[in-house]
Amino acid sequence: MGIAVNGVEITDEEIELELPHHKDAANPVKQAVHEVVLRHLLLQEVERLGLDQGNEDSDDVRIEALFAREVRVPEADEAACRRYYQSQLERFSSGAMVEARHILFQVTQSAPLDLLRETGELILAELQAHPERFEELAREYSNCPSGAVGGNLGQLSRGQCVAEFEQLLFRLQPGELAGRLLETRFGLHIVQAQRRIEGTVLPFEAVKAQIADELQRQSWQRALHQYLHILVGKANIEGISLDGADSPLVQ
């Protein structure tokens, strides 16, 4: 394939061996090539730094030793954890529920997205002017079984609906009608929050370790991205344009 890392050629056989690990990627061949190239680059750095002392450790163990030496991540202190906690209080609440209703416009071959969007915008404008018509219009237009009961979805807690629906719903105030159509994999939704039951916020001490772990993972990924970008930038890589941050090694 004409690909080389600092003068070392990458063989087709190496890429073929890597390929099965990326069968679910959007572009499996590209991802496999990136992974093989980056692994070569990291193992060359292991050798340059003298971390490979002729032992029989696996490549993964050698790369982990390289990361342990070169990628330094500061511990998440209590002040950072408290700031994160205060900014994400809704994530650390237990038992919060919102009674909701919606109107679903489902995408089908006979009802393409553009047509549904136009219809949804018209219905949303009508509800903004006449909110009392929600149940009537849900029965007439909604493609969800809830349309038969005026769009009522009952009381929803976190984790019961798709992420984008949940994020919008839990931002709405009681009685508030979302001012835009929400697009999910099910189609387009008009969403209204009704009664809201506030949950109990877990105390900081109960979630401190969880927050510290999360902040540590975020810091590690940022530091590793930066390190890989530096290595890629210094290397002589022929035959492919490589972005170090694309590698599953950073996961």
C-alpha atoms as a PDB file:
ATOM      1  CA  MET A   1       0.000   0.000   0.000  1.00  0.00           C
ATOM      2  CA  GLY A   2       3.059   2.286   0.032  1.00  0.00           C
ATOM      3  CA  ILE A   3       2.700   3.275   3.706  1.00  0.00           C
ATOM      4  CA  ALA A   4       5.739   3.744   5.939  1.00  0.00           C
ATOM      5  CA  VAL A   5       6.468   5.079   9.434  1.00  0.00           C
ATOM      6  CA  ASN A   6       9.885   6.677   9.818  1.00  0.00           C
ATOM      7  CA  GLY A   7      11.156   4.513   6.972  1.00  0.00           C
ATOM      8  CA  VAL A   8       9.569   1.265   8.201  1.00  0.00           C
ATOM      9  CA  GLU A   9       7.105  -0.115   5.665  1.00  0.00           C
ATOM     10  CA  ILE A  10       3.653  -1.248   6.748  1.00  0.00           C
ATOM     11  CA  THR A  11       2.715  -4.550   5.118  1.00  0.00           C
ATOM     12  CA  ASP A  12      -0.666  -5.562   3.763  1.00  0.00           C
ATOM     13  CA  GLU A  13      -0.553  -8.603   6.044  1.00  0.00           C
ATOM     14  CA  GLU A  14      -0.410  -6.397   9.155  1.00  0.00           C
ATOM     15  CA  ILE A  15      -3.447  -4.455   8.003  1.00  0.00           C
ATOM     16  CA  GLU A  16      -5.363  -7.652   7.188  1.00  0.00           C
ATOM     17  CA  LEU A  17      -4.682  -8.990  10.682  1.00  0.00           C
ATOM     18  CA  GLU A  18      -5.914  -5.724  12.246  1.00  0.00           C
ATOM     19  CA  LEU A  19      -8.990  -5.386  10.048  1.00  0.00           C
ATOM     20  CA  PRO A  20     -11.335  -7.779  11.976  1.00  0.00           C
ATOM     21  CA  HIS A  21     -11.017  -5.547  15.063  1.00  0.00           C
ATOM     22  CA  HIS A  22     -12.671  -2.657  13.207  1.00  0.00           C
ATOM     23  CA  LYS A  23     -15.526  -4.343  11.342  1.00  0.00           C
ATOM     24  CA  ASP A  24     -18.077  -2.017  13.001  1.00  0.00           C
ATOM     25  CA  ALA A  25     -16.207   1.179  12.079  1.00  0.00           C
ATOM     26  CA  ALA A  26     -17.602   3.519   9.422  1.00  0.00           C
ATOM     27  CA  ASN A  27     -14.497   2.823   7.316  1.00  0.00           C
ATOM     28  CA  PRO A  28     -12.890  -0.408   8.601  1.00  0.00           C
ATOM     29  CA  VAL A  29      -9.888  -0.349   6.249  1.00  0.00           C
ATOM     30  CA  LYS A  30      -9.010   3.254   7.081  1.00  0.00           C
ATOM     31  CA  GLN A  31      -9.364   2.598  10.807  1.00  0.00           C
ATOM     32  CA  ALA A  32      -7.220  -0.548  10.611  1.00  0.00           C
ATOM     33  CA  VAL A  33      -4.495   1.310   8.703  1.00  0.00           C
ATOM     34  CA  HIS A  34      -4.525   4.153  11.223  1.00  0.00           C
ATOM     35  CA  GLU A  35      -4.262   1.700  14.099  1.00  0.00           C
ATOM     36  CA  VAL A  36      -1.333  -0.226  12.601  1.00  0.00           C
ATOM     37  CA  VAL A  37       0.541   2.973  11.737  1.00  0.00           C
ATOM     38  CA  LEU A  38       0.028   4.441  15.191  1.00  0.00           C
ATOM     39  CA  ARG A  39       1.084   1.196  16.885  1.00  0.00           C
ATOM     40  CA  HIS A  40       4.307   1.188  14.853  1.00  0.00           C
ATOM     41  CA  LEU A  41       4.930   4.783  15.858  1.00  0.00           C
ATOM     42  CA  LEU A  42       4.407   4.042  19.553  1.00  0.00           C
ATOM     43  CA  LEU A  43       6.618   0.943  19.525  1.00  0.00           C
ATOM     44  CA  GLN A  44       9.350   2.937  17.809  1.00  0.00           C
ATOM     45  CA  GLU A  45       9.079   5.459  20.643  1.00  0.00           C
ATOM     46  CA  VAL A  46       9.322   2.617  23.182  1.00  0.00           C
ATOM     47  CA  GLU A  47      12.584   1.540  21.546  1.00  0.00           C
ATOM     48  CA  ARG A  48      13.934   5.097  21.310  1.00  0.00           C
ATOM     49  CA  LEU A  49      13.398   5.676  25.026  1.00  0.00           C
ATOM     50  CA  GLY A  50      14.944   2.345  25.968  1.00  0.00           C
ATOM     51  CA  LEU A  51      11.763   0.999  27.553  1.00  0.00           C
ATOM     52  CA  ASP A  52      12.127  -2.284  25.655  1.00  0.00           C
ATOM     53  CA  GLN A  53      14.874  -4.129  27.490  1.00  0.00           C
ATOM     54  CA  GLY A  54      14.710  -7.325  25.459  1.00  0.00           C
ATOM     55  CA  ASN A  55      11.982  -8.885  27.598  1.00  0.00           C
ATOM     56  CA  GLU A  56       9.027 -10.790  26.191  1.00  0.00           C
ATOM     57  CA  ASP A  57       6.301  -8.343  27.118  1.00  0.00           C
ATOM     58  CA  SER A  58       3.504  -7.945  24.597  1.00  0.00           C
ATOM     59  CA  ASP A  59       3.228  -4.854  22.428  1.00  0.00           C
ATOM     60  CA  ASP A  60       0.278  -3.674  24.534  1.00  0.00           C
ATOM     61  CA  VAL A  61       2.335  -3.917  27.738  1.00  0.00           C
ATOM     62  CA  ARG A  62       5.177  -1.947  26.127  1.00  0.00           C
ATOM     63  CA  ILE A  63       2.764   0.753  24.980  1.00  0.00           C
ATOM     64  CA  GLU A  64       1.206   0.947  28.454  1.00  0.00           C
ATOM     65  CA  ALA A  65       4.704   1.433  29.908  1.00  0.00           C
ATOM     66  CA  LEU A  66       5.283   4.255  27.421  1.00  0.00           C
ATOM     67  CA  PHE A  67       2.022   5.951  28.385  1.00  0.00           C
ATOM     68  CA  ALA A  68       2.808   5.556  32.099  1.00  0.00           C
ATOM     69  CA  ARG A  69       6.104   7.382  31.591  1.00  0.00           C
ATOM     70  CA  GLU A  70       5.149  10.041  29.060  1.00  0.00           C
ATOM     71  CA  VAL A  71       1.483  10.892  29.704  1.00  0.00           C
ATOM     72  CA  ARG A  72       1.134  12.641  33.046  1.00  0.00           C
ATOM     73  CA  VAL A  73      -2.298  13.541  34.358  1.00  0.00           C
ATOM     74  CA  PRO A  74      -2.804  15.534  37.575  1.00  0.00           C
ATOM     75  CA  GLU A  75      -5.229  14.180  40.151  1.00  0.00           C
ATOM     76  CA  ALA A  76      -8.655  15.819  40.213  1.00  0.00           C
ATOM     77  CA  ASP A  77      -8.669  17.881  43.419  1.00  0.00           C
ATOM     78  CA  GLU A  78     -11.692  18.473  45.643  1.00  0.00           C
ATOM     79  CA  ALA A  79     -12.252  22.010  44.343  1.00  0.00           C
ATOM     80  CA  ALA A  80     -12.539  20.748  40.756  1.00  0.00           C
ATOM     81  CA  CYS A  81     -14.862  17.962  41.863  1.00  0.00           C
ATOM     82  CA  ARG A  82     -17.105  20.418  43.714  1.00  0.00           C
ATOM     83  CA  ARG A  83     -17.271  22.751  40.702  1.00  0.00           C
ATOM     84  CA  TYR A  84     -18.291  19.841  38.499  1.00  0.00           C
ATOM     85  CA  TYR A  85     -20.877  18.705  41.061  1.00  0.00           C
ATOM     86  CA  GLN A  86     -22.467  22.166  41.278  1.00  0.00           C
ATOM     87  CA  SER A  87     -22.631  22.501  37.493  1.00  0.00           C
ATOM     88  CA  GLN A  88     -24.210  19.041  37.033  1.00  0.00           C
ATOM     89  CA  LEU A  89     -26.634  18.804  39.961  1.00  0.00           C
ATOM     90  CA  GLU A  90     -29.383  17.330  37.804  1.00  0.00           C
ATOM     91  CA  ARG A  91     -27.124  14.360  37.025  1.00  0.00           C
ATOM     92  CA  PHE A  92     -26.810  13.570  40.707  1.00  0.00           C
ATOM     93  CA  SER A  93     -30.483  13.694  41.597  1.00  0.00           C
ATOM     94  CA  SER A  94     -32.450  10.571  42.390  1.00  0.00           C
ATOM     95  CA  GLY A  95     -36.134  10.125  41.627  1.00  0.00           C
ATOM     96  CA  ALA A  96     -36.784  13.183  39.426  1.00  0.00           C
ATOM     97  CA  MET A  97     -39.744  12.661  37.059  1.00  0.00           C
ATOM     98  CA  VAL A  98     -41.577  14.727  34.482  1.00  0.00           C
ATOM     99  CA  GLU A  99     -45.099  14.068  33.297  1.00  0.00           C
ATOM    100  CA  ALA A 100     -44.963  14.676  29.559  1.00  0.00           C
ATOM    101  CA  ARG A 101     -46.901  14.538  26.336  1.00  0.00           C
ATOM    102  CA  HIS A 102     -45.815  14.708  22.727  1.00  0.00           C
ATOM    103  CA  ILE A 103     -46.906  14.556  19.118  1.00  0.00           C
ATOM    104  CA  LEU A 104     -44.761  12.325  16.916  1.00  0.00           C
ATOM    105  CA  PHE A 105     -44.365  12.823  13.179  1.00  0.00           C
ATOM    106  CA  GLN A 106     -42.783   9.573  11.985  1.00  0.00           C
ATOM    107  CA  VAL A 107     -40.606   9.501   8.881  1.00  0.00           C
ATOM    108  CA  THR A 108     -41.845   7.035   6.229  1.00  0.00           C
ATOM    109  CA  GLN A 109     -41.465   6.643   2.460  1.00  0.00           C
ATOM    110  CA  SER A 110     -44.795   8.383   1.967  1.00  0.00           C
ATOM    111  CA  ALA A 111     -43.960  11.099   4.519  1.00  0.00           C
ATOM    112  CA  PRO A 112     -40.366  12.295   3.961  1.00  0.00           C
ATOM    113  CA  LEU A 113     -38.554  14.449   6.476  1.00  0.00           C
ATOM    114  CA  ASP A 114     -39.047  17.767   4.661  1.00  0.00           C
ATOM    115  CA  LEU A 115     -42.800  17.262   4.455  1.00  0.00           C
ATOM    116  CA  LEU A 116     -43.004  16.193   8.087  1.00  0.00           C
ATOM    117  CA  ARG A 117     -40.967  19.191   9.192  1.00  0.00           C
ATOM    118  CA  GLU A 118     -43.299  21.551   7.351  1.00  0.00           C
ATOM    119  CA  THR A 119     -46.362  19.897   8.899  1.00  0.00           C
ATOM    120  CA  GLY A 120     -44.769  19.821  12.348  1.00  0.00           C
ATOM    121  CA  GLU A 121     -43.875  23.515  12.220  1.00  0.00           C
ATOM    122  CA  LEU A 122     -47.470  24.383  11.311  1.00  0.00           C
ATOM    123  CA  ILE A 123     -48.868  22.277  14.188  1.00  0.00           C
ATOM    124  CA  LEU A 124     -46.324  23.744  16.623  1.00  0.00           C
ATOM    125  CA  ALA A 125     -47.296  27.277  15.600  1.00  0.00           C
ATOM    126  CA  GLU A 126     -50.972  26.387  16.125  1.00  0.00           C
ATOM    127  CA  LEU A 127     -50.230  25.040  19.615  1.00  0.00           C
ATOM    128  CA  GLN A 128     -48.240  28.131  20.529  1.00  0.00           C
ATOM    129  CA  ALA A 129     -51.305  30.193  19.658  1.00  0.00           C
ATOM    130  CA  HIS A 130     -53.874  27.710  21.040  1.00  0.00           C
ATOM    131  CA  PRO A 131     -52.242  25.390  23.618  1.00  0.00           C
ATOM    132  CA  GLU A 132     -55.649  24.005  24.612  1.00  0.00           C
ATOM    133  CA  ARG A 133     -55.741  22.072  21.308  1.00  0.00           C
ATOM    134  CA  PHE A 134     -52.837  19.749  22.223  1.00  0.00           C
ATOM    135  CA  GLU A 135     -54.934  16.639  22.922  1.00  0.00           C
ATOM    136  CA  GLU A 136     -57.067  17.188  19.834  1.00  0.00           C
ATOM    137  CA  LEU A 137     -54.080  17.611  17.527  1.00  0.00           C
ATOM    138  CA  ALA A 138     -52.208  14.693  19.097  1.00  0.00           C
ATOM    139  CA  ARG A 139     -55.139  12.394  18.359  1.00  0.00           C
ATOM    140  CA  GLU A 140     -55.283  13.654  14.784  1.00  0.00           C
ATOM    141  CA  TYR A 141     -51.599  13.809  13.836  1.00  0.00           C
ATOM    142  CA  SER A 142     -49.414  11.755  16.196  1.00  0.00           C
ATOM    143  CA  ASN A 143     -47.927   8.516  14.872  1.00  0.00           C
ATOM    144  CA  CYS A 144     -47.286   7.297  18.418  1.00  0.00           C
ATOM    145  CA  PRO A 145     -49.802   5.044  20.236  1.00  0.00           C
ATOM    146  CA  SER A 146     -49.934   7.782  22.887  1.00  0.00           C
ATOM    147  CA  GLY A 147     -51.860   9.871  20.341  1.00  0.00           C
ATOM    148  CA  ALA A 148     -54.982   7.931  21.318  1.00  0.00           C
ATOM    149  CA  VAL A 149     -54.744   9.466  24.807  1.00  0.00           C
ATOM    150  CA  GLY A 150     -53.911  12.979  23.670  1.00  0.00           C
ATOM    151  CA  GLY A 151     -50.153  12.384  23.463  1.00  0.00           C
ATOM    152  CA  ASN A 152     -49.803  11.612  27.181  1.00  0.00           C
ATOM    153  CA  LEU A 153     -46.608   9.656  27.989  1.00  0.00           C
ATOM    154  CA  GLY A 154     -47.166   9.528  31.734  1.00  0.00           C
ATOM    155  CA  GLN A 155     -44.385  10.154  34.251  1.00  0.00           C
ATOM    156  CA  LEU A 156     -40.884   9.697  32.837  1.00  0.00           C
ATOM    157  CA  SER A 157     -37.688   9.367  34.836  1.00  0.00           C
ATOM    158  CA  ARG A 158     -34.159   9.618  33.525  1.00  0.00           C
ATOM    159  CA  GLY A 159     -33.119   6.687  31.371  1.00  0.00           C
ATOM    160  CA  GLN A 160     -36.633   5.862  30.139  1.00  0.00           C
ATOM    161  CA  CYS A 161     -36.389   7.661  26.792  1.00  0.00           C
ATOM    162  CA  VAL A 162     -33.742   8.405  24.178  1.00  0.00           C
ATOM    163  CA  ALA A 163     -31.039  10.840  25.268  1.00  0.00           C
ATOM    164  CA  GLU A 164     -32.044  13.828  23.130  1.00  0.00           C
ATOM    165  CA  PHE A 165     -35.687  13.560  24.234  1.00  0.00           C
ATOM    166  CA  GLU A 166     -34.634  13.302  27.888  1.00  0.00           C
ATOM    167  CA  GLN A 167     -32.285  16.275  27.662  1.00  0.00           C
ATOM    168  CA  LEU A 168     -34.984  18.509  26.227  1.00  0.00           C
ATOM    169  CA  LEU A 169     -37.755  17.266  28.501  1.00  0.00           C
ATOM    170  CA  PHE A 170     -35.856  17.784  31.755  1.00  0.00           C
ATOM    171  CA  ARG A 171     -34.963  21.345  30.754  1.00  0.00           C
ATOM    172  CA  LEU A 172     -38.606  22.338  30.331  1.00  0.00           C
ATOM    173  CA  GLN A 173     -40.584  23.975  33.116  1.00  0.00           C
ATOM    174  CA  PRO A 174     -43.996  22.583  34.147  1.00  0.00           C
ATOM    175  CA  GLY A 175     -46.507  23.411  31.436  1.00  0.00           C
ATOM    176  CA  GLU A 176     -43.826  24.589  29.011  1.00  0.00           C
ATOM    177  CA  LEU A 177     -44.130  23.692  25.339  1.00  0.00           C
ATOM    178  CA  ALA A 178     -40.782  23.236  23.597  1.00  0.00           C
ATOM    179  CA  GLY A 179     -40.268  26.075  21.120  1.00  0.00           C
ATOM    180  CA  ARG A 180     -38.817  23.837  18.405  1.00  0.00           C
ATOM    181  CA  LEU A 181     -39.347  20.432  16.866  1.00  0.00           C
ATOM    182  CA  LEU A 182     -37.148  17.732  18.381  1.00  0.00           C
ATOM    183  CA  GLU A 183     -35.568  15.250  15.971  1.00  0.00           C
ATOM    184  CA  THR A 184     -34.804  11.715  17.182  1.00  0.00           C
ATOM    185  CA  ARG A 185     -34.437   8.374  15.444  1.00  0.00           C
ATOM    186  CA  PHE A 186     -38.208   7.973  15.763  1.00  0.00           C
ATOM    187  CA  GLY A 187     -38.997  11.151  13.820  1.00  0.00           C
ATOM    188  CA  LEU A 188     -39.955  14.701  14.795  1.00  0.00           C
ATOM    189  CA  HIS A 189     -41.605  15.510  18.117  1.00  0.00           C
ATOM    190  CA  ILE A 190     -43.581  18.348  19.613  1.00  0.00           C
ATOM    191  CA  VAL A 191     -42.862  18.055  23.339  1.00  0.00           C
ATOM    192  CA  GLN A 192     -44.596  19.536  26.371  1.00  0.00           C
ATOM    193  CA  ALA A 193     -43.697  19.064  30.028  1.00  0.00           C
ATOM    194  CA  GLN A 194     -46.588  18.956  32.440  1.00  0.00           C
ATOM    195  CA  ARG A 195     -46.254  18.173  36.136  1.00  0.00           C
ATOM    196  CA  ARG A 196     -42.690  17.886  37.425  1.00  0.00           C
ATOM    197  CA  ILE A 197     -41.588  15.912  40.474  1.00  0.00           C
ATOM    198  CA  GLU A 198     -38.207  17.048  41.723  1.00  0.00           C
ATOM    199  CA  GLY A 199     -35.785  14.378  42.846  1.00  0.00           C
ATOM    200  CA  THR A 200     -33.482  14.317  45.827  1.00  0.00           C
ATOM    201  CA  VAL A 201     -29.985  15.558  45.111  1.00  0.00           C
ATOM    202  CA  LEU A 202     -27.335  13.127  46.311  1.00  0.00           C
ATOM    203  CA  PRO A 203     -24.828  14.724  48.713  1.00  0.00           C
ATOM    204  CA  PHE A 204     -21.399  15.605  47.331  1.00  0.00           C
ATOM    205  CA  GLU A 205     -19.607  13.053  49.514  1.00  0.00           C
ATOM    206  CA  ALA A 206     -21.740  10.255  48.046  1.00  0.00           C
ATOM    207  CA  VAL A 207     -20.640  11.029  44.481  1.00  0.00           C
ATOM    208  CA  LYS A 208     -17.192  12.542  45.055  1.00  0.00           C
ATOM    209  CA  ALA A 209     -15.299   9.371  44.023  1.00  0.00           C
ATOM    210  CA  GLN A 210     -17.454   8.963  40.905  1.00  0.00           C
ATOM    211  CA  ILE A 211     -16.801  12.585  39.877  1.00  0.00           C
ATOM    212  CA  ALA A 212     -13.058  12.278  40.522  1.00  0.00           C
ATOM    213  CA  ASP A 213     -12.918   9.153  38.319  1.00  0.00           C
ATOM    214  CA  GLU A 214     -14.817  10.898  35.535  1.00  0.00           C
ATOM    215  CA  LEU A 215     -12.636  14.025  35.644  1.00  0.00           C
ATOM    216  CA  GLN A 216      -9.547  11.822  35.713  1.00  0.00           C
ATOM    217  CA  ARG A 217     -10.715   9.940  32.592  1.00  0.00           C
ATOM    218  CA  GLN A 218     -11.413  13.213  30.800  1.00  0.00           C
ATOM    219  CA  SER A 219      -7.969  14.586  31.713  1.00  0.00           C
ATOM    220  CA  TRP A 220      -6.304  11.332  30.631  1.00  0.00           C
ATOM    221  CA  GLN A 221      -7.996  11.393  27.234  1.00  0.00           C
ATOM    222  CA  ARG A 222      -7.057  15.043  26.652  1.00  0.00           C
ATOM    223  CA  ALA A 223      -3.433  14.389  27.636  1.00  0.00           C
ATOM    224  CA  LEU A 224      -3.248  11.256  25.490  1.00  0.00           C
ATOM    225  CA  HIS A 225      -4.743  13.047  22.480  1.00  0.00           C
ATOM    226  CA  GLN A 226      -2.124  15.754  22.858  1.00  0.00           C
ATOM    227  CA  TYR A 227       0.716  13.250  23.208  1.00  0.00           C
ATOM    228  CA  LEU A 228      -0.357  11.295  20.112  1.00  0.00           C
ATOM    229  CA  HIS A 229      -0.676  14.486  18.085  1.00  0.00           C
ATOM    230  CA  ILE A 230       2.871  15.479  19.072  1.00  0.00           C
ATOM    231  CA  LEU A 231       4.254  12.070  18.064  1.00  0.00           C
ATOM    232  CA  VAL A 232       2.413  12.140  14.745  1.00  0.00           C
ATOM    233  CA  GLY A 233       3.622  15.671  14.082  1.00  0.00           C
ATOM    234  CA  LYS A 234       7.276  14.706  14.620  1.00  0.00           C
ATOM    235  CA  ALA A 235       7.110  11.455  12.623  1.00  0.00           C
ATOM    236  CA  ASN A 236       7.787  10.898   8.950  1.00  0.00           C
ATOM    237  CA  ILE A 237       4.616   9.104   7.873  1.00  0.00           C
ATOM    238  CA  GLU A 238       4.334   8.322   4.177  1.00  0.00           C
ATOM    239  CA  GLY A 239       1.318   7.217   2.178  1.00  0.00           C
ATOM    240  CA  ILE A 240      -1.427   8.330   4.563  1.00  0.00           C
ATOM    241  CA  SER A 241      -2.577  11.387   6.494  1.00  0.00           C
ATOM    242  CA  LEU A 242      -2.897  10.386  10.131  1.00  0.00           C
ATOM    243  CA  ASP A 243      -4.698  12.091  12.984  1.00  0.00           C
ATOM    244  CA  GLY A 244      -3.556  10.521  16.228  1.00  0.00           C
ATOM    245  CA  ALA A 245      -6.849  11.362  17.952  1.00  0.00           C
ATOM    246  CA  ASP A 246      -8.725   8.999  15.631  1.00  0.00           C
ATOM    247  CA  SER A 247      -7.224   5.887  17.210  1.00  0.00           C
ATOM    248  CA  PRO A 248      -9.142   3.553  19.521  1.00  0.00           C
ATOM    249  CA  LEU A 249      -5.962   3.596  21.619  1.00  0.00           C
ATOM    250  CA  VAL A 250      -7.283   6.766  23.231  1.00  0.00           C
ATOM    251  CA  GLN A 251     -10.519   5.129  24.382  1.00  0.00           C
END
